[in-house]
Amino acid sequence: MHEMSIARSILDIAIEAAEREGAKRITRVNVLAGELRAIEPLHLAFCFSIMAEDTIASAAELNVETVPVKGTCRSCGETFTVEDYQYACPTCHSLDIQTEGGTELRLTDIEVD
């Protein structure tokens, strides 16, 4: 379960940022996670809640927004969202696809009191 180590990193970053700003409590943590990271949002939220116990983030909600994989066809130039790992252009059916995105993992912001 790689979510546990990811949750630990997210929590450490969030706490450090909140403490630097003098916050007393973290109420929400927002994360972007690319689809290819294979992160299960519910597992990540569960791990985060366990790791956050007895910290200023103990009541924080973890919000994970999954970023889809995009593809651009090198043959016709069509840009599309890759669905069900089908790396074929929906317009010309070419398999010569340049993938874009889907590997992001970024803490975008935190909400504090």
PDB file of N, CA and C in Angstrom:
ATOM      1  N   MET A   1       0.854  -1.185   0.000  1.00  0.00           N
ATOM      2  CA  MET A   1       0.000   0.000   0.000  1.00  0.00           C
ATOM      3  C   MET A   1       0.891   1.236   0.000  1.00  0.00           C
ATOM      4  N   HIS A   2       1.111   1.821  -1.173  1.00  0.00           N
ATOM      5  CA  HIS A   2       1.968   3.000  -1.261  1.00  0.00           C
ATOM      6  C   HIS A   2       1.276   4.258  -0.751  1.00  0.00           C
ATOM      7  N   GLU A   3      -0.029   4.188  -0.529  1.00  0.00           N
ATOM      8  CA  GLU A   3      -0.754   5.350  -0.014  1.00  0.00           C
ATOM      9  C   GLU A   3      -0.254   5.797   1.354  1.00  0.00           C
ATOM     10  N   MET A   4       0.232   4.868   2.167  1.00  0.00           N
ATOM     11  CA  MET A   4       0.694   5.222   3.514  1.00  0.00           C
ATOM     12  C   MET A   4       1.879   6.192   3.444  1.00  0.00           C
ATOM     13  N   SER A   5       2.855   5.914   2.613  1.00  0.00           N
ATOM     14  CA  SER A   5       4.018   6.811   2.519  1.00  0.00           C
ATOM     15  C   SER A   5       3.636   8.137   1.859  1.00  0.00           C
ATOM     16  N   ILE A   6       2.711   8.099   0.914  1.00  0.00           N
ATOM     17  CA  ILE A   6       2.245   9.332   0.284  1.00  0.00           C
ATOM     18  C   ILE A   6       1.505  10.185   1.307  1.00  0.00           C
ATOM     19  N   ALA A   7       0.659   9.556   2.105  1.00  0.00           N
ATOM     20  CA  ALA A   7      -0.081  10.275   3.150  1.00  0.00           C
ATOM     21  C   ALA A   7       0.878  10.927   4.136  1.00  0.00           C
ATOM     22  N   ARG A   8       1.929  10.224   4.501  1.00  0.00           N
ATOM     23  CA  ARG A   8       2.917  10.770   5.441  1.00  0.00           C
ATOM     24  C   ARG A   8       3.577  12.016   4.845  1.00  0.00           C
ATOM     25  N   SER A   9       3.942  11.960   3.586  1.00  0.00           N
ATOM     26  CA  SER A   9       4.589  13.102   2.933  1.00  0.00           C
ATOM     27  C   SER A   9       3.640  14.295   2.838  1.00  0.00           C
ATOM     28  N   ILE A  10       2.399  14.027   2.453  1.00  0.00           N
ATOM     29  CA  ILE A  10       1.408  15.107   2.358  1.00  0.00           C
ATOM     30  C   ILE A  10       1.211  15.755   3.713  1.00  0.00           C
ATOM     31  N   LEU A  11       1.073  14.942   4.744  1.00  0.00           N
ATOM     32  CA  LEU A  11       0.869  15.460   6.092  1.00  0.00           C
ATOM     33  C   LEU A  11       2.056  16.301   6.546  1.00  0.00           C
ATOM     34  N   ASP A  12       3.266  15.814   6.325  1.00  0.00           N
ATOM     35  CA  ASP A  12       4.467  16.559   6.727  1.00  0.00           C
ATOM     36  C   ASP A  12       4.527  17.923   6.044  1.00  0.00           C
ATOM     37  N   ILE A  13       4.252  17.960   4.766  1.00  0.00           N
ATOM     38  CA  ILE A  13       4.279  19.217   4.017  1.00  0.00           C
ATOM     39  C   ILE A  13       3.205  20.171   4.535  1.00  0.00           C
ATOM     40  N   ALA A  14       1.997  19.650   4.750  1.00  0.00           N
ATOM     41  CA  ALA A  14       0.884  20.480   5.217  1.00  0.00           C
ATOM     42  C   ALA A  14       1.166  21.056   6.600  1.00  0.00           C
ATOM     43  N   ILE A  15       1.657  20.235   7.509  1.00  0.00           N
ATOM     44  CA  ILE A  15       1.948  20.708   8.865  1.00  0.00           C
ATOM     45  C   ILE A  15       3.050  21.755   8.848  1.00  0.00           C
ATOM     46  N   GLU A  16       4.096  21.504   8.090  1.00  0.00           N
ATOM     47  CA  GLU A  16       5.193  22.468   8.005  1.00  0.00           C
ATOM     48  C   GLU A  16       4.693  23.821   7.492  1.00  0.00           C
ATOM     49  N   ALA A  17       3.871  23.798   6.438  1.00  0.00           N
ATOM     50  CA  ALA A  17       3.346  25.047   5.877  1.00  0.00           C
ATOM     51  C   ALA A  17       2.428  25.755   6.869  1.00  0.00           C
ATOM     52  N   ALA A  18       1.569  25.009   7.537  1.00  0.00           N
ATOM     53  CA  ALA A  18       0.634  25.599   8.497  1.00  0.00           C
ATOM     54  C   ALA A  18       1.377  26.217   9.683  1.00  0.00           C
ATOM     55  N   GLU A  19       2.351  25.505  10.201  1.00  0.00           N
ATOM     56  CA  GLU A  19       3.112  26.021  11.344  1.00  0.00           C
ATOM     57  C   GLU A  19       3.923  27.256  10.960  1.00  0.00           C
ATOM     58  N   ARG A  20       4.448  27.265   9.753  1.00  0.00           N
ATOM     59  CA  ARG A  20       5.210  28.419   9.277  1.00  0.00           C
ATOM     60  C   ARG A  20       4.340  29.677   9.244  1.00  0.00           C
ATOM     61  N   GLU A  21       3.040  29.488   8.985  1.00  0.00           N
ATOM     62  CA  GLU A  21       2.104  30.611   8.921  1.00  0.00           C
ATOM     63  C   GLU A  21       1.405  30.879  10.251  1.00  0.00           C
ATOM     64  N   GLY A  22       1.749  30.110  11.277  1.00  0.00           N
ATOM     65  CA  GLY A  22       1.175  30.323  12.599  1.00  0.00           C
ATOM     66  C   GLY A  22      -0.225  29.760  12.778  1.00  0.00           C
ATOM     67  N   ALA A  23      -0.638  28.842  11.927  1.00  0.00           N
ATOM     68  CA  ALA A  23      -1.976  28.243  12.028  1.00  0.00           C
ATOM     69  C   ALA A  23      -2.052  27.302  13.223  1.00  0.00           C
ATOM     70  N   LYS A  24      -3.220  27.243  13.822  1.00  0.00           N
ATOM     71  CA  LYS A  24      -3.452  26.371  14.972  1.00  0.00           C
ATOM     72  C   LYS A  24      -4.045  25.025  14.571  1.00  0.00           C
ATOM     73  N   ARG A  25      -4.727  25.015  13.399  1.00  0.00           N
ATOM     74  CA  ARG A  25      -5.415  23.803  12.989  1.00  0.00           C
ATOM     75  C   ARG A  25      -5.550  23.765  11.473  1.00  0.00           C
ATOM     76  N   ILE A  26      -5.337  22.596  10.899  1.00  0.00           N
ATOM     77  CA  ILE A  26      -5.558  22.377   9.471  1.00  0.00           C
ATOM     78  C   ILE A  26      -6.939  21.757   9.327  1.00  0.00           C
ATOM     79  N   THR A  27      -7.773  22.357   8.471  1.00  0.00           N
ATOM     80  CA  THR A  27      -9.132  21.847   8.300  1.00  0.00           C
ATOM     81  C   THR A  27      -9.325  21.070   6.999  1.00  0.00           C
ATOM     82  N   ARG A  28      -8.493  21.380   6.013  1.00  0.00           N
ATOM     83  CA  ARG A  28      -8.629  20.711   4.710  1.00  0.00           C
ATOM     84  C   ARG A  28      -7.293  20.739   3.984  1.00  0.00           C
ATOM     85  N   VAL A  29      -7.007  19.639   3.284  1.00  0.00           N
ATOM     86  CA  VAL A  29      -5.811  19.531   2.461  1.00  0.00           C
ATOM     87  C   VAL A  29      -6.262  19.090   1.076  1.00  0.00           C
ATOM     88  N   ASN A  30      -5.876  19.851   0.051  1.00  0.00           N
ATOM     89  CA  ASN A  30      -6.260  19.558  -1.330  1.00  0.00           C
ATOM     90  C   ASN A  30      -5.056  19.064  -2.120  1.00  0.00           C
ATOM     91  N   VAL A  31      -5.270  17.952  -2.815  1.00  0.00           N
ATOM     92  CA  VAL A  31      -4.190  17.283  -3.546  1.00  0.00           C
ATOM     93  C   VAL A  31      -4.648  16.967  -4.963  1.00  0.00           C
ATOM     94  N   LEU A  32      -3.746  17.139  -5.927  1.00  0.00           N
ATOM     95  CA  LEU A  32      -3.953  16.674  -7.306  1.00  0.00           C
ATOM     96  C   LEU A  32      -3.150  15.399  -7.476  1.00  0.00           C
ATOM     97  N   ALA A  33      -3.780  14.352  -7.985  1.00  0.00           N
ATOM     98  CA  ALA A  33      -3.096  13.076  -8.188  1.00  0.00           C
ATOM     99  C   ALA A  33      -3.405  12.562  -9.580  1.00  0.00           C
ATOM    100  N   GLY A  34      -2.369  12.383 -10.370  1.00  0.00           N
ATOM    101  CA  GLY A  34      -2.543  11.859 -11.718  1.00  0.00           C
ATOM    102  C   GLY A  34      -3.042  10.428 -11.708  1.00  0.00           C
ATOM    103  N   GLU A  35      -3.880  10.123 -12.663  1.00  0.00           N
ATOM    104  CA  GLU A  35      -4.482   8.794 -12.773  1.00  0.00           C
ATOM    105  C   GLU A  35      -3.429   7.677 -12.818  1.00  0.00           C
ATOM    106  N   LEU A  36      -2.301   7.952 -13.461  1.00  0.00           N
ATOM    107  CA  LEU A  36      -1.262   6.923 -13.588  1.00  0.00           C
ATOM    108  C   LEU A  36      -0.513   6.660 -12.284  1.00  0.00           C
ATOM    109  N   ARG A  37      -0.728   7.475 -11.269  1.00  0.00           N
ATOM    110  CA  ARG A  37      -0.136   7.239  -9.946  1.00  0.00           C
ATOM    111  C   ARG A  37      -0.801   6.070  -9.233  1.00  0.00           C
ATOM    112  N   ALA A  38      -1.956   5.658  -9.738  1.00  0.00           N
ATOM    113  CA  ALA A  38      -2.697   4.520  -9.173  1.00  0.00           C
ATOM    114  C   ALA A  38      -2.985   4.710  -7.686  1.00  0.00           C
ATOM    115  N   ILE A  39      -3.336   5.933  -7.340  1.00  0.00           N
ATOM    116  CA  ILE A  39      -3.686   6.229  -5.951  1.00  0.00           C
ATOM    117  C   ILE A  39      -5.182   6.014  -5.779  1.00  0.00           C
ATOM    118  N   GLU A  40      -5.526   5.281  -4.778  1.00  0.00           N
ATOM    119  CA  GLU A  40      -6.920   5.058  -4.428  1.00  0.00           C
ATOM    120  C   GLU A  40      -7.307   6.137  -3.418  1.00  0.00           C
ATOM    121  N   PRO A  41      -8.123   7.135  -3.831  1.00  0.00           N
ATOM    122  CA  PRO A  41      -8.433   8.254  -2.939  1.00  0.00           C
ATOM    123  C   PRO A  41      -8.948   7.856  -1.556  1.00  0.00           C
ATOM    124  N   LEU A  42      -9.806   6.849  -1.485  1.00  0.00           N
ATOM    125  CA  LEU A  42     -10.317   6.430  -0.176  1.00  0.00           C
ATOM    126  C   LEU A  42      -9.230   5.841   0.697  1.00  0.00           C
ATOM    127  N   HIS A  43      -8.332   5.074   0.114  1.00  0.00           N
ATOM    128  CA  HIS A  43      -7.205   4.520   0.879  1.00  0.00           C
ATOM    129  C   HIS A  43      -6.290   5.639   1.364  1.00  0.00           C
ATOM    130  N   LEU A  44      -6.029   6.596   0.474  1.00  0.00           N
ATOM    131  CA  LEU A  44      -5.163   7.711   0.847  1.00  0.00           C
ATOM    132  C   LEU A  44      -5.785   8.522   1.974  1.00  0.00           C
ATOM    133  N   ALA A  45      -7.081   8.792   1.889  1.00  0.00           N
ATOM    134  CA  ALA A  45      -7.766   9.543   2.944  1.00  0.00           C
ATOM    135  C   ALA A  45      -7.731   8.789   4.272  1.00  0.00           C
ATOM    136  N   PHE A  46      -7.909   7.484   4.221  1.00  0.00           N
ATOM    137  CA  PHE A  46      -7.851   6.666   5.443  1.00  0.00           C
ATOM    138  C   PHE A  46      -6.455   6.735   6.057  1.00  0.00           C
ATOM    139  N   CYS A  47      -5.431   6.547   5.241  1.00  0.00           N
ATOM    140  CA  CYS A  47      -4.055   6.609   5.735  1.00  0.00           C
ATOM    141  C   CYS A  47      -3.738   7.991   6.302  1.00  0.00           C
ATOM    142  N   PHE A  48      -4.206   9.018   5.612  1.00  0.00           N
ATOM    143  CA  PHE A  48      -3.985  10.384   6.065  1.00  0.00           C
ATOM    144  C   PHE A  48      -4.621  10.601   7.435  1.00  0.00           C
ATOM    145  N   SER A  49      -5.846  10.121   7.614  1.00  0.00           N
ATOM    146  CA  SER A  49      -6.533  10.325   8.895  1.00  0.00           C
ATOM    147  C   SER A  49      -5.815   9.613  10.035  1.00  0.00           C
ATOM    148  N   ILE A  50      -5.264   8.456   9.781  1.00  0.00           N
ATOM    149  CA  ILE A  50      -4.510   7.739  10.814  1.00  0.00           C
ATOM    150  C   ILE A  50      -3.218   8.490  11.146  1.00  0.00           C
ATOM    151  N   MET A  51      -2.504   8.919  10.118  1.00  0.00           N
ATOM    152  CA  MET A  51      -1.246   9.644  10.326  1.00  0.00           C
ATOM    153  C   MET A  51      -1.464  10.989  11.017  1.00  0.00           C
ATOM    154  N   ALA A  52      -2.621  11.607  10.787  1.00  0.00           N
ATOM    155  CA  ALA A  52      -2.893  12.944  11.309  1.00  0.00           C
ATOM    156  C   ALA A  52      -3.316  12.952  12.777  1.00  0.00           C
ATOM    157  N   GLU A  53      -3.624  11.781  13.327  1.00  0.00           N
ATOM    158  CA  GLU A  53      -4.041  11.724  14.732  1.00  0.00           C
ATOM    159  C   GLU A  53      -2.999  12.409  15.618  1.00  0.00           C
ATOM    160  N   ASP A  54      -3.484  13.169  16.579  1.00  0.00           N
ATOM    161  CA  ASP A  54      -2.635  13.878  17.551  1.00  0.00           C
ATOM    162  C   ASP A  54      -1.731  14.933  16.913  1.00  0.00           C
ATOM    163  N   THR A  55      -2.166  15.485  15.768  1.00  0.00           N
ATOM    164  CA  THR A  55      -1.440  16.591  15.126  1.00  0.00           C
ATOM    165  C   THR A  55      -2.434  17.725  14.903  1.00  0.00           C
ATOM    166  N   ILE A  56      -1.947  18.843  14.403  1.00  0.00           N
ATOM    167  CA  ILE A  56      -2.851  19.961  14.110  1.00  0.00           C
ATOM    168  C   ILE A  56      -3.758  19.664  12.914  1.00  0.00           C
ATOM    169  N   ALA A  57      -3.547  18.536  12.271  1.00  0.00           N
ATOM    170  CA  ALA A  57      -4.378  18.126  11.139  1.00  0.00           C
ATOM    171  C   ALA A  57      -5.333  16.991  11.506  1.00  0.00           C
ATOM    172  N   SER A  58      -5.521  16.757  12.791  1.00  0.00           N
ATOM    173  CA  SER A  58      -6.307  15.590  13.225  1.00  0.00           C
ATOM    174  C   SER A  58      -7.747  15.604  12.711  1.00  0.00           C
ATOM    175  N   ALA A  59      -8.316  16.768  12.482  1.00  0.00           N
ATOM    176  CA  ALA A  59      -9.698  16.843  11.986  1.00  0.00           C
ATOM    177  C   ALA A  59      -9.747  17.256  10.516  1.00  0.00           C
ATOM    178  N   ALA A  60      -8.616  17.271   9.857  1.00  0.00           N
ATOM    179  CA  ALA A  60      -8.557  17.747   8.468  1.00  0.00           C
ATOM    180  C   ALA A  60      -9.183  16.764   7.494  1.00  0.00           C
ATOM    181  N   GLU A  61      -9.842  17.319   6.498  1.00  0.00           N
ATOM    182  CA  GLU A  61     -10.385  16.532   5.400  1.00  0.00           C
ATOM    183  C   GLU A  61      -9.349  16.526   4.281  1.00  0.00           C
ATOM    184  N   LEU A  62      -9.090  15.356   3.723  1.00  0.00           N
ATOM    185  CA  LEU A  62      -8.188  15.251   2.578  1.00  0.00           C
ATOM    186  C   LEU A  62      -9.043  15.154   1.325  1.00  0.00           C
ATOM    187  N   ASN A  63      -8.856  16.103   0.414  1.00  0.00           N
ATOM    188  CA  ASN A  63      -9.582  16.126  -0.849  1.00  0.00           C
ATOM    189  C   ASN A  63      -8.601  15.761  -1.964  1.00  0.00           C
ATOM    190  N   VAL A  64      -8.883  14.688  -2.678  1.00  0.00           N
ATOM    191  CA  VAL A  64      -8.008  14.240  -3.765  1.00  0.00           C
ATOM    192  C   VAL A  64      -8.737  14.414  -5.088  1.00  0.00           C
ATOM    193  N   GLU A  65      -8.165  15.235  -5.962  1.00  0.00           N
ATOM    194  CA  GLU A  65      -8.700  15.411  -7.310  1.00  0.00           C
ATOM    195  C   GLU A  65      -7.834  14.603  -8.265  1.00  0.00           C
ATOM    196  N   THR A  66      -8.437  13.662  -8.962  1.00  0.00           N
ATOM    197  CA  THR A  66      -7.697  12.811  -9.894  1.00  0.00           C
ATOM    198  C   THR A  66      -7.603  13.498 -11.253  1.00  0.00           C
ATOM    199  N   VAL A  67      -6.386  13.568 -11.767  1.00  0.00           N
ATOM    200  CA  VAL A  67      -6.121  14.207 -13.061  1.00  0.00           C
ATOM    201  C   VAL A  67      -6.013  13.113 -14.122  1.00  0.00           C
ATOM    202  N   PRO A  68      -6.841  13.182 -15.160  1.00  0.00           N
ATOM    203  CA  PRO A  68      -6.803  12.150 -16.191  1.00  0.00           C
ATOM    204  C   PRO A  68      -5.561  12.262 -17.080  1.00  0.00           C
ATOM    205  N   VAL A  69      -5.286  11.178 -17.774  1.00  0.00           N
ATOM    206  CA  VAL A  69      -4.202  11.150 -18.755  1.00  0.00           C
ATOM    207  C   VAL A  69      -4.732  11.765 -20.043  1.00  0.00           C
ATOM    208  N   LYS A  70      -3.961  12.640 -20.639  1.00  0.00           N
ATOM    209  CA  LYS A  70      -4.309  13.232 -21.937  1.00  0.00           C
ATOM    210  C   LYS A  70      -3.378  12.638 -22.987  1.00  0.00           C
ATOM    211  N   GLY A  71      -3.862  12.591 -24.183  1.00  0.00           N
ATOM    212  CA  GLY A  71      -3.051  12.116 -25.288  1.00  0.00           C
ATOM    213  C   GLY A  71      -3.177  13.053 -26.473  1.00  0.00           C
ATOM    214  N   THR A  72      -2.081  13.192 -27.209  1.00  0.00           N
ATOM    215  CA  THR A  72      -2.102  13.947 -28.454  1.00  0.00           C
ATOM    216  C   THR A  72      -1.619  13.025 -29.562  1.00  0.00           C
ATOM    217  N   CYS A  73      -2.424  12.920 -30.595  1.00  0.00           N
ATOM    218  CA  CYS A  73      -2.095  12.056 -31.727  1.00  0.00           C
ATOM    219  C   CYS A  73      -1.012  12.724 -32.567  1.00  0.00           C
ATOM    220  N   ARG A  74       0.054  12.004 -32.797  1.00  0.00           N
ATOM    221  CA  ARG A  74       1.137  12.547 -33.621  1.00  0.00           C
ATOM    222  C   ARG A  74       0.775  12.522 -35.105  1.00  0.00           C
ATOM    223  N   SER A  75      -0.245  11.762 -35.461  1.00  0.00           N
ATOM    224  CA  SER A  75      -0.643  11.678 -36.863  1.00  0.00           C
ATOM    225  C   SER A  75      -1.574  12.815 -37.273  1.00  0.00           C
ATOM    226  N   CYS A  76      -2.624  13.050 -36.477  1.00  0.00           N
ATOM    227  CA  CYS A  76      -3.613  14.058 -36.887  1.00  0.00           C
ATOM    228  C   CYS A  76      -3.670  15.269 -35.953  1.00  0.00           C
ATOM    229  N   GLY A  77      -2.988  15.203 -34.816  1.00  0.00           N
ATOM    230  CA  GLY A  77      -2.950  16.342 -33.903  1.00  0.00           C
ATOM    231  C   GLY A  77      -4.083  16.410 -32.900  1.00  0.00           C
ATOM    232  N   GLU A  78      -5.003  15.471 -32.928  1.00  0.00           N
ATOM    233  CA  GLU A  78      -6.136  15.437 -31.993  1.00  0.00           C
ATOM    234  C   GLU A  78      -5.631  15.275 -30.552  1.00  0.00           C
ATOM    235  N   THR A  79      -6.171  16.087 -29.640  1.00  0.00           N
ATOM    236  CA  THR A  79      -5.882  15.946 -28.217  1.00  0.00           C
ATOM    237  C   THR A  79      -7.132  15.385 -27.552  1.00  0.00           C
ATOM    238  N   PHE A  80      -6.958  14.373 -26.700  1.00  0.00           N
ATOM    239  CA  PHE A  80      -8.096  13.684 -26.111  1.00  0.00           C
ATOM    240  C   PHE A  80      -7.736  13.147 -24.729  1.00  0.00           C
ATOM    241  N   THR A  81      -8.759  12.799 -23.977  1.00  0.00           N
ATOM    242  CA  THR A  81      -8.574  12.162 -22.675  1.00  0.00           C
ATOM    243  C   THR A  81      -8.488  10.665 -22.897  1.00  0.00           C
ATOM    244  N   VAL A  82      -7.444  10.055 -22.366  1.00  0.00           N
ATOM    245  CA  VAL A  82      -7.269   8.607 -22.478  1.00  0.00           C
ATOM    246  C   VAL A  82      -8.207   7.948 -21.468  1.00  0.00           C
ATOM    247  N   GLU A  83      -9.070   7.090 -21.955  1.00  0.00           N
ATOM    248  CA  GLU A  83     -10.014   6.395 -21.086  1.00  0.00           C
ATOM    249  C   GLU A  83      -9.769   4.900 -21.163  1.00  0.00           C
ATOM    250  N   ASP A  84      -9.834   4.251 -20.006  1.00  0.00           N
ATOM    251  CA  ASP A  84      -9.637   2.803 -19.903  1.00  0.00           C
ATOM    252  C   ASP A  84      -8.304   2.364 -20.518  1.00  0.00           C
ATOM    253  N   TYR A  85      -7.306   3.229 -20.401  1.00  0.00           N
ATOM    254  CA  TYR A  85      -5.950   2.939 -20.879  1.00  0.00           C
ATOM    255  C   TYR A  85      -5.914   2.584 -22.364  1.00  0.00           C
ATOM    256  N   GLN A  86      -6.829   3.177 -23.141  1.00  0.00           N
ATOM    257  CA  GLN A  86      -6.875   2.973 -24.582  1.00  0.00           C
ATOM    258  C   GLN A  86      -6.088   4.094 -25.259  1.00  0.00           C
ATOM    259  N   TYR A  87      -4.841   3.801 -25.595  1.00  0.00           N
ATOM    260  CA  TYR A  87      -3.954   4.800 -26.192  1.00  0.00           C
ATOM    261  C   TYR A  87      -4.061   4.758 -27.715  1.00  0.00           C
ATOM    262  N   ALA A  88      -5.259   5.037 -28.207  1.00  0.00           N
ATOM    263  CA  ALA A  88      -5.517   5.102 -29.641  1.00  0.00           C
ATOM    264  C   ALA A  88      -6.312   6.368 -29.907  1.00  0.00           C
ATOM    265  N   CYS A  89      -5.957   7.049 -30.971  1.00  0.00           N
ATOM    266  CA  CYS A  89      -6.648   8.291 -31.320  1.00  0.00           C
ATOM    267  C   CYS A  89      -8.107   7.994 -31.665  1.00  0.00           C
ATOM    268  N   PRO A  90      -9.047   8.702 -31.030  1.00  0.00           N
ATOM    269  CA  PRO A  90     -10.456   8.467 -31.341  1.00  0.00           C
ATOM    270  C   PRO A  90     -10.863   9.000 -32.716  1.00  0.00           C
ATOM    271  N   THR A  91     -10.032   9.843 -33.320  1.00  0.00           N
ATOM    272  CA  THR A  91     -10.354  10.423 -34.622  1.00  0.00           C
ATOM    273  C   THR A  91      -9.818   9.573 -35.769  1.00  0.00           C
ATOM    274  N   CYS A  92      -8.495   9.289 -35.738  1.00  0.00           N
ATOM    275  CA  CYS A  92      -7.893   8.560 -36.870  1.00  0.00           C
ATOM    276  C   CYS A  92      -7.448   7.141 -36.505  1.00  0.00           C
ATOM    277  N   HIS A  93      -7.582   6.781 -35.215  1.00  0.00           N
ATOM    278  CA  HIS A  93      -7.261   5.446 -34.700  1.00  0.00           C
ATOM    279  C   HIS A  93      -5.766   5.128 -34.708  1.00  0.00           C
ATOM    280  N   SER A  94      -4.930   6.126 -34.882  1.00  0.00           N
ATOM    281  CA  SER A  94      -3.484   5.931 -34.825  1.00  0.00           C
ATOM    282  C   SER A  94      -3.078   5.539 -33.400  1.00  0.00           C
ATOM    283  N   LEU A  95      -2.027   4.753 -33.306  1.00  0.00           N
ATOM    284  CA  LEU A  95      -1.468   4.369 -32.007  1.00  0.00           C
ATOM    285  C   LEU A  95      -0.236   5.193 -31.667  1.00  0.00           C
ATOM    286  N   ASP A  96       0.095   6.138 -32.526  1.00  0.00           N
ATOM    287  CA  ASP A  96       1.260   7.009 -32.312  1.00  0.00           C
ATOM    288  C   ASP A  96       0.819   8.196 -31.458  1.00  0.00           C
ATOM    289  N   ILE A  97       0.780   7.960 -30.141  1.00  0.00           N
ATOM    290  CA  ILE A  97       0.218   8.921 -29.194  1.00  0.00           C
ATOM    291  C   ILE A  97       1.296   9.442 -28.252  1.00  0.00           C
ATOM    292  N   GLN A  98       1.299  10.732 -28.052  1.00  0.00           N
ATOM    293  CA  GLN A  98       2.161  11.379 -27.045  1.00  0.00           C
ATOM    294  C   GLN A  98       1.289  11.602 -25.813  1.00  0.00           C
ATOM    295  N   THR A  99       1.665  10.990 -24.694  1.00  0.00           N
ATOM    296  CA  THR A  99       0.864  11.178 -23.479  1.00  0.00           C
ATOM    297  C   THR A  99       1.302  12.432 -22.746  1.00  0.00           C
ATOM    298  N   GLU A 100       0.327  13.051 -22.097  1.00  0.00           N
ATOM    299  CA  GLU A 100       0.555  14.277 -21.341  1.00  0.00           C
ATOM    300  C   GLU A 100      -0.211  14.171 -20.035  1.00  0.00           C
ATOM    301  N   GLY A 101       0.452  14.453 -18.959  1.00  0.00           N
ATOM    302  CA  GLY A 101      -0.208  14.451 -17.661  1.00  0.00           C
ATOM    303  C   GLY A 101      -0.515  13.053 -17.174  1.00  0.00           C
ATOM    304  N   GLY A 102      -1.200  13.028 -16.055  1.00  0.00           N
ATOM    305  CA  GLY A 102      -1.570  11.755 -15.457  1.00  0.00           C
ATOM    306  C   GLY A 102      -0.591  11.243 -14.433  1.00  0.00           C
ATOM    307  N   THR A 103       0.572  11.911 -14.303  1.00  0.00           N
ATOM    308  CA  THR A 103       1.567  11.469 -13.323  1.00  0.00           C
ATOM    309  C   THR A 103       1.752  12.477 -12.196  1.00  0.00           C
ATOM    310  N   GLU A 104       0.925  13.514 -12.183  1.00  0.00           N
ATOM    311  CA  GLU A 104       1.054  14.557 -11.170  1.00  0.00           C
ATOM    312  C   GLU A 104       0.815  14.008  -9.772  1.00  0.00           C
ATOM    313  N   LEU A 105       1.469  14.597  -8.811  1.00  0.00           N
ATOM    314  CA  LEU A 105       1.163  14.382  -7.402  1.00  0.00           C
ATOM    315  C   LEU A 105       1.583  15.656  -6.698  1.00  0.00           C
ATOM    316  N   ARG A 106       0.580  16.472  -6.351  1.00  0.00           N
ATOM    317  CA  ARG A 106       0.893  17.806  -5.849  1.00  0.00           C
ATOM    318  C   ARG A 106      -0.106  18.221  -4.777  1.00  0.00           C
ATOM    319  N   LEU A 107       0.403  18.696  -3.674  1.00  0.00           N
ATOM    320  CA  LEU A 107      -0.435  19.320  -2.665  1.00  0.00           C
ATOM    321  C   LEU A 107      -0.683  20.738  -3.163  1.00  0.00           C
ATOM    322  N   THR A 108      -1.930  21.062  -3.469  1.00  0.00           N
ATOM    323  CA  THR A 108      -2.221  22.356  -4.080  1.00  0.00           C
ATOM    324  C   THR A 108      -2.442  23.446  -3.056  1.00  0.00           C
ATOM    325  N   ASP A 109      -3.155  23.135  -1.971  1.00  0.00           N
ATOM    326  CA  ASP A 109      -3.363  24.124  -0.928  1.00  0.00           C
ATOM    327  C   ASP A 109      -3.903  23.480   0.325  1.00  0.00           C
ATOM    328  N   ILE A 110      -3.839  24.232   1.414  1.00  0.00           N
ATOM    329  CA  ILE A 110      -4.411  23.794   2.680  1.00  0.00           C
ATOM    330  C   ILE A 110      -5.298  24.895   3.224  1.00  0.00           C
ATOM    331  N   GLU A 111      -6.303  24.486   3.972  1.00  0.00           N
ATOM    332  CA  GLU A 111      -7.170  25.440   4.661  1.00  0.00           C
ATOM    333  C   GLU A 111      -6.906  25.302   6.148  1.00  0.00           C
ATOM    334  N   VAL A 112      -6.757  26.442   6.810  1.00  0.00           N
ATOM    335  CA  VAL A 112      -6.374  26.436   8.223  1.00  0.00           C
ATOM    336  C   VAL A 112      -7.241  27.385   9.041  1.00  0.00           C
ATOM    337  N   ASP A 113      -7.177  27.206  10.342  1.00  0.00           N
ATOM    338  CA  ASP A 113      -7.784  28.145  11.294  1.00  0.00           C
ATOM    339  C   ASP A 113      -6.671  28.788  12.093  1.00  0.00           C
TER     340      ASP A 113
END
